């Protein structure tokens, strides 16, 4: 992928995508910043079917200049599962005051 650099005529590589030649799944994506600086390398492996699509079960994100790497191993994948509304309710911790933004007492303002 390309994007415009500093000048109108300059094109810079934004990312490169590599495919596994045995199955044509994405194996690696390199993302570049201004001036061609390599920002991150993302690797994908162990592609398996899930529903009507394929998903990688192994994902590695490496941010070289930040000295940071994250490895994700997906052991169970459930797609479009219904989530009960009560799973989104947060209980207020004991000893705290609830402040609802926009519902403050307007009469207390200077």
N, C-alpha and C. Protein backbone atom coordinates (compact mmCIF):
# COMPACT_ATOMS: atom_id res chain seq x y z
N UNK A 1 0.84 -1.17 0.00
CA UNK A 1 0.00 0.00 0.00
C UNK A 1 0.89 1.24 0.00
N UNK A 2 0.46 2.25 -0.70
CA UNK A 2 1.22 3.49 -0.80
C UNK A 2 0.38 4.65 -0.29
N UNK A 3 1.06 5.67 0.20
CA UNK A 3 0.39 6.93 0.54
C UNK A 3 1.31 8.08 0.16
N UNK A 4 0.73 9.27 0.06
CA UNK A 4 1.51 10.45 -0.32
C UNK A 4 2.42 10.85 0.83
N UNK A 5 3.65 11.17 0.51
CA UNK A 5 4.61 11.64 1.50
C UNK A 5 4.51 13.14 1.68
N UNK A 6 5.61 13.76 2.02
CA UNK A 6 5.65 15.21 2.29
C UNK A 6 5.26 16.03 1.07
N UNK A 7 5.77 15.68 -0.09
CA UNK A 7 5.46 16.43 -1.30
C UNK A 7 4.36 15.76 -2.10
N UNK A 8 3.76 16.51 -3.02
CA UNK A 8 2.69 15.96 -3.85
C UNK A 8 3.16 14.77 -4.68
N UNK A 9 4.41 14.82 -5.16
CA UNK A 9 4.91 13.79 -6.07
C UNK A 9 5.42 12.56 -5.33
N UNK A 10 5.75 12.71 -4.06
CA UNK A 10 6.37 11.62 -3.32
C UNK A 10 5.35 10.59 -2.85
N UNK A 11 5.61 9.34 -3.18
CA UNK A 11 4.81 8.24 -2.65
C UNK A 11 5.67 7.46 -1.67
N UNK A 12 5.09 7.03 -0.57
CA UNK A 12 5.81 6.24 0.42
C UNK A 12 5.06 4.95 0.65
N UNK A 13 5.80 3.90 0.94
CA UNK A 13 5.18 2.62 1.26
C UNK A 13 4.57 2.74 2.65
N UNK A 14 3.29 2.41 2.76
CA UNK A 14 2.59 2.43 4.04
C UNK A 14 2.63 1.06 4.69
N UNK A 15 2.47 0.01 3.88
CA UNK A 15 2.53 -1.34 4.42
C UNK A 15 2.83 -2.33 3.31
N UNK A 16 3.41 -3.45 3.70
CA UNK A 16 3.61 -4.56 2.78
C UNK A 16 2.87 -5.75 3.36
N UNK A 17 2.29 -6.54 2.48
CA UNK A 17 1.55 -7.73 2.90
C UNK A 17 2.18 -8.93 2.22
N UNK A 18 2.52 -9.94 3.01
CA UNK A 18 3.10 -11.17 2.47
C UNK A 18 2.10 -12.30 2.65
N UNK A 19 2.06 -13.18 1.66
CA UNK A 19 1.14 -14.31 1.66
C UNK A 19 1.93 -15.61 1.70
N UNK A 20 1.38 -16.60 2.36
CA UNK A 20 1.96 -17.94 2.36
C UNK A 20 1.68 -18.55 1.00
N UNK A 21 2.70 -18.97 0.29
CA UNK A 21 2.47 -19.46 -1.08
C UNK A 21 1.78 -20.81 -1.12
N UNK A 22 1.74 -21.54 0.00
CA UNK A 22 1.09 -22.85 -0.03
C UNK A 22 -0.43 -22.75 0.08
N UNK A 23 -0.95 -21.70 0.78
CA UNK A 23 -2.40 -21.60 0.94
C UNK A 23 -2.94 -20.18 0.67
N UNK A 24 -2.07 -19.24 0.37
CA UNK A 24 -2.40 -17.84 0.06
C UNK A 24 -3.02 -17.08 1.23
N UNK A 25 -2.84 -17.56 2.45
CA UNK A 25 -3.26 -16.79 3.62
C UNK A 25 -2.20 -15.74 3.95
N UNK A 26 -2.63 -14.65 4.55
CA UNK A 26 -1.69 -13.60 4.96
C UNK A 26 -0.75 -14.17 6.00
N UNK A 27 0.54 -13.98 5.82
CA UNK A 27 1.51 -14.48 6.79
C UNK A 27 2.21 -13.35 7.55
N UNK A 28 2.31 -12.17 6.92
CA UNK A 28 3.01 -11.06 7.58
C UNK A 28 2.56 -9.73 6.98
N UNK A 29 2.45 -8.74 7.86
CA UNK A 29 2.14 -7.37 7.44
C UNK A 29 3.17 -6.46 8.10
N UNK A 30 3.87 -5.68 7.30
CA UNK A 30 4.80 -4.68 7.82
C UNK A 30 4.16 -3.31 7.63
N UNK A 31 4.15 -2.50 8.70
CA UNK A 31 3.58 -1.15 8.64
C UNK A 31 4.71 -0.13 8.79
N UNK A 32 4.70 0.86 7.90
CA UNK A 32 5.75 1.86 7.85
C UNK A 32 5.19 3.24 8.20
N UNK A 33 6.02 4.06 8.82
CA UNK A 33 5.67 5.43 9.13
C UNK A 33 6.32 6.38 8.15
N UNK A 34 6.27 7.68 8.45
CA UNK A 34 6.88 8.68 7.58
C UNK A 34 8.36 8.39 7.34
N UNK A 35 8.80 8.61 6.12
CA UNK A 35 10.20 8.40 5.78
C UNK A 35 10.57 6.94 5.63
N UNK A 36 9.59 6.05 5.60
CA UNK A 36 9.87 4.63 5.43
C UNK A 36 10.29 3.92 6.70
N UNK A 37 10.09 4.55 7.85
CA UNK A 37 10.47 3.94 9.12
C UNK A 37 9.55 2.76 9.43
N UNK A 38 10.12 1.59 9.69
CA UNK A 38 9.35 0.40 10.01
C UNK A 38 8.76 0.54 11.40
N UNK A 39 7.43 0.60 11.50
CA UNK A 39 6.76 0.76 12.79
C UNK A 39 6.43 -0.57 13.45
N UNK A 40 5.88 -1.50 12.67
CA UNK A 40 5.50 -2.78 13.27
C UNK A 40 5.55 -3.90 12.25
N UNK A 41 5.72 -5.11 12.77
CA UNK A 41 5.67 -6.32 11.97
C UNK A 41 4.65 -7.23 12.64
N UNK A 42 3.62 -7.61 11.89
CA UNK A 42 2.57 -8.47 12.41
C UNK A 42 2.63 -9.80 11.66
N UNK A 43 2.72 -10.90 12.41
CA UNK A 43 2.79 -12.23 11.79
C UNK A 43 1.55 -13.03 12.14
N UNK A 44 1.07 -13.76 11.15
CA UNK A 44 -0.16 -14.56 11.30
C UNK A 44 0.14 -15.99 10.87
N UNK A 45 -0.32 -16.96 11.68
CA UNK A 45 -0.07 -18.36 11.36
C UNK A 45 -1.20 -19.23 11.89
N UNK A 46 -1.15 -20.49 11.53
CA UNK A 46 -2.11 -21.49 11.97
C UNK A 46 -3.54 -21.09 11.62
N UNK A 47 -3.75 -20.77 10.36
CA UNK A 47 -5.07 -20.38 9.88
C UNK A 47 -5.99 -21.60 9.91
N UNK A 48 -7.17 -21.44 10.46
CA UNK A 48 -8.16 -22.51 10.53
C UNK A 48 -9.54 -21.97 10.20
N UNK A 49 -10.40 -22.84 9.67
CA UNK A 49 -11.75 -22.38 9.34
C UNK A 49 -12.56 -22.10 10.59
N UNK A 50 -13.38 -21.06 10.51
CA UNK A 50 -14.32 -20.72 11.59
C UNK A 50 -15.54 -20.12 10.92
N UNK A 51 -16.60 -20.88 10.88
CA UNK A 51 -17.78 -20.42 10.14
C UNK A 51 -17.47 -20.41 8.66
N UNK A 52 -17.81 -19.32 7.99
CA UNK A 52 -17.59 -19.21 6.55
C UNK A 52 -16.24 -18.59 6.22
N UNK A 53 -15.43 -18.30 7.22
CA UNK A 53 -14.15 -17.62 6.99
C UNK A 53 -12.99 -18.40 7.59
N UNK A 54 -11.80 -17.88 7.41
CA UNK A 54 -10.59 -18.44 8.01
C UNK A 54 -10.03 -17.41 8.97
N UNK A 55 -9.48 -17.87 10.10
CA UNK A 55 -8.88 -16.98 11.09
C UNK A 55 -7.54 -17.53 11.53
N UNK A 56 -6.56 -16.63 11.77
CA UNK A 56 -5.28 -17.11 12.29
C UNK A 56 -5.42 -17.42 13.78
N UNK A 57 -4.84 -18.51 14.22
CA UNK A 57 -4.87 -18.87 15.64
C UNK A 57 -3.62 -18.37 16.36
N UNK A 58 -2.62 -17.95 15.60
CA UNK A 58 -1.39 -17.42 16.17
C UNK A 58 -1.12 -16.05 15.55
N UNK A 59 -1.00 -15.02 16.42
CA UNK A 59 -0.77 -13.65 15.96
C UNK A 59 0.37 -13.08 16.79
N UNK A 60 1.36 -12.53 16.13
CA UNK A 60 2.48 -11.88 16.82
C UNK A 60 2.58 -10.45 16.30
N UNK A 61 2.54 -9.49 17.23
CA UNK A 61 2.68 -8.08 16.89
C UNK A 61 4.00 -7.60 17.49
N UNK A 62 4.88 -7.11 16.66
CA UNK A 62 6.18 -6.62 17.12
C UNK A 62 6.34 -5.16 16.73
N UNK A 63 6.56 -4.31 17.72
CA UNK A 63 6.85 -2.89 17.48
C UNK A 63 8.33 -2.70 17.81
N UNK A 64 9.15 -2.77 16.79
CA UNK A 64 10.60 -2.85 16.94
C UNK A 64 11.20 -1.64 17.64
N UNK A 65 10.77 -0.44 17.27
CA UNK A 65 11.36 0.77 17.85
C UNK A 65 10.88 1.01 19.28
N UNK A 66 9.79 0.38 19.66
CA UNK A 66 9.27 0.51 21.03
C UNK A 66 9.75 -0.62 21.93
N UNK A 67 10.56 -1.55 21.35
CA UNK A 67 11.04 -2.72 22.09
C UNK A 67 9.87 -3.46 22.73
N UNK A 68 8.86 -3.77 21.91
CA UNK A 68 7.61 -4.34 22.39
C UNK A 68 7.18 -5.46 21.46
N UNK A 69 6.73 -6.56 22.05
CA UNK A 69 6.21 -7.67 21.26
C UNK A 69 5.05 -8.31 22.02
N UNK A 70 4.01 -8.64 21.30
CA UNK A 70 2.82 -9.27 21.87
C UNK A 70 2.51 -10.52 21.07
N UNK A 71 2.38 -11.66 21.75
CA UNK A 71 2.03 -12.92 21.09
C UNK A 71 0.64 -13.34 21.58
N UNK A 72 -0.24 -13.63 20.63
CA UNK A 72 -1.61 -14.03 20.95
C UNK A 72 -1.84 -15.42 20.38
N UNK A 73 -2.30 -16.34 21.23
CA UNK A 73 -2.67 -17.68 20.79
C UNK A 73 -4.16 -17.85 21.04
N UNK A 74 -4.93 -18.06 19.99
CA UNK A 74 -6.37 -18.23 20.12
C UNK A 74 -6.64 -19.72 20.29
N UNK A 75 -7.21 -20.06 21.44
CA UNK A 75 -7.49 -21.47 21.72
C UNK A 75 -8.95 -21.83 21.49
N UNK A 76 -9.84 -20.82 21.60
CA UNK A 76 -11.26 -21.04 21.35
C UNK A 76 -11.82 -19.80 20.68
N UNK A 77 -12.52 -20.00 19.59
CA UNK A 77 -13.10 -18.89 18.86
C UNK A 77 -14.59 -19.16 18.67
N UNK A 78 -15.40 -18.25 19.17
CA UNK A 78 -16.85 -18.33 19.01
C UNK A 78 -17.31 -17.07 18.30
N UNK A 79 -17.99 -17.25 17.19
CA UNK A 79 -18.41 -16.12 16.39
C UNK A 79 -19.90 -15.84 16.57
N UNK A 80 -20.22 -14.55 16.69
CA UNK A 80 -21.60 -14.08 16.74
C UNK A 80 -22.43 -14.72 17.85
N UNK A 81 -21.80 -15.00 18.97
CA UNK A 81 -22.52 -15.55 20.11
C UNK A 81 -23.34 -14.44 20.77
N UNK A 82 -24.55 -14.74 21.17
CA UNK A 82 -25.39 -13.77 21.86
C UNK A 82 -24.82 -13.50 23.24
N UNK A 83 -24.69 -12.23 23.58
CA UNK A 83 -24.16 -11.84 24.88
C UNK A 83 -25.30 -11.27 25.70
N UNK A 84 -25.50 -11.83 26.88
CA UNK A 84 -26.59 -11.39 27.75
C UNK A 84 -26.34 -9.96 28.20
N UNK A 85 -27.40 -9.11 28.25
CA UNK A 85 -27.23 -7.70 28.65
C UNK A 85 -26.62 -7.53 30.03
N UNK A 86 -26.86 -8.44 30.96
CA UNK A 86 -26.31 -8.28 32.32
C UNK A 86 -24.79 -8.38 32.35
N UNK A 87 -24.17 -8.90 31.32
CA UNK A 87 -22.71 -8.94 31.28
C UNK A 87 -22.11 -7.56 31.07
N UNK A 88 -22.95 -6.58 30.68
CA UNK A 88 -22.48 -5.23 30.44
C UNK A 88 -22.75 -4.29 31.62
N UNK A 89 -23.36 -4.79 32.68
CA UNK A 89 -23.65 -3.97 33.85
C UNK A 89 -22.43 -3.94 34.77
N UNK A 90 -22.08 -2.74 35.17
CA UNK A 90 -20.97 -2.57 36.10
C UNK A 90 -21.53 -2.16 37.45
N UNK A 91 -21.13 -2.87 38.49
CA UNK A 91 -21.56 -2.54 39.84
C UNK A 91 -20.68 -1.40 40.37
N UNK A 92 -21.31 -0.47 41.07
CA UNK A 92 -20.57 0.64 41.65
C UNK A 92 -19.79 0.14 42.86
N UNK A 93 -18.49 0.41 42.90
CA UNK A 93 -17.69 -0.03 44.04
C UNK A 93 -18.16 0.63 45.34
N UNK A 94 -18.10 -0.12 46.43
CA UNK A 94 -18.51 0.40 47.73
C UNK A 94 -17.63 1.59 48.12
N UNK A 95 -18.26 2.59 48.75
CA UNK A 95 -17.52 3.75 49.24
C UNK A 95 -17.24 4.80 48.17
N UNK A 96 -17.89 4.71 47.02
CA UNK A 96 -17.67 5.70 45.97
C UNK A 96 -18.94 6.50 45.73
N UNK A 97 -18.79 7.68 45.15
CA UNK A 97 -19.93 8.53 44.81
C UNK A 97 -20.19 8.41 43.32
N UNK A 98 -21.44 8.28 42.94
CA UNK A 98 -21.81 8.23 41.53
C UNK A 98 -22.04 9.64 41.03
N UNK A 99 -21.29 10.02 40.00
CA UNK A 99 -21.45 11.34 39.38
C UNK A 99 -21.87 11.09 37.95
N UNK A 100 -23.06 11.58 37.59
CA UNK A 100 -23.55 11.43 36.23
C UNK A 100 -23.24 12.72 35.48
N UNK A 101 -22.41 12.62 34.47
CA UNK A 101 -21.97 13.78 33.70
C UNK A 101 -23.18 14.39 33.02
N UNK A 102 -23.31 15.71 33.14
CA UNK A 102 -24.41 16.43 32.54
C UNK A 102 -25.63 16.54 33.43
N UNK A 103 -25.61 15.88 34.57
CA UNK A 103 -26.74 15.94 35.50
C UNK A 103 -26.34 16.59 36.81
N UNK A 104 -25.22 17.34 36.81
CA UNK A 104 -24.79 18.04 38.02
C UNK A 104 -25.79 19.11 38.38
N UNK A 105 -25.77 19.55 39.63
CA UNK A 105 -26.65 20.62 40.09
C UNK A 105 -26.17 21.91 39.46
N UNK A 106 -26.95 22.48 38.55
CA UNK A 106 -26.57 23.71 37.84
C UNK A 106 -26.59 24.92 38.77
N UNK A 107 -27.34 24.87 39.86
CA UNK A 107 -27.43 26.01 40.79
C UNK A 107 -26.17 26.23 41.58
N UNK A 108 -25.27 25.24 41.66
CA UNK A 108 -24.06 25.36 42.47
C UNK A 108 -22.91 26.04 41.72
N UNK A 109 -23.11 26.37 40.43
CA UNK A 109 -22.04 26.97 39.65
C UNK A 109 -21.89 28.45 40.00
N UNK A 110 -20.65 28.99 39.98
CA UNK A 110 -20.42 30.42 40.25
C UNK A 110 -20.93 31.30 39.15
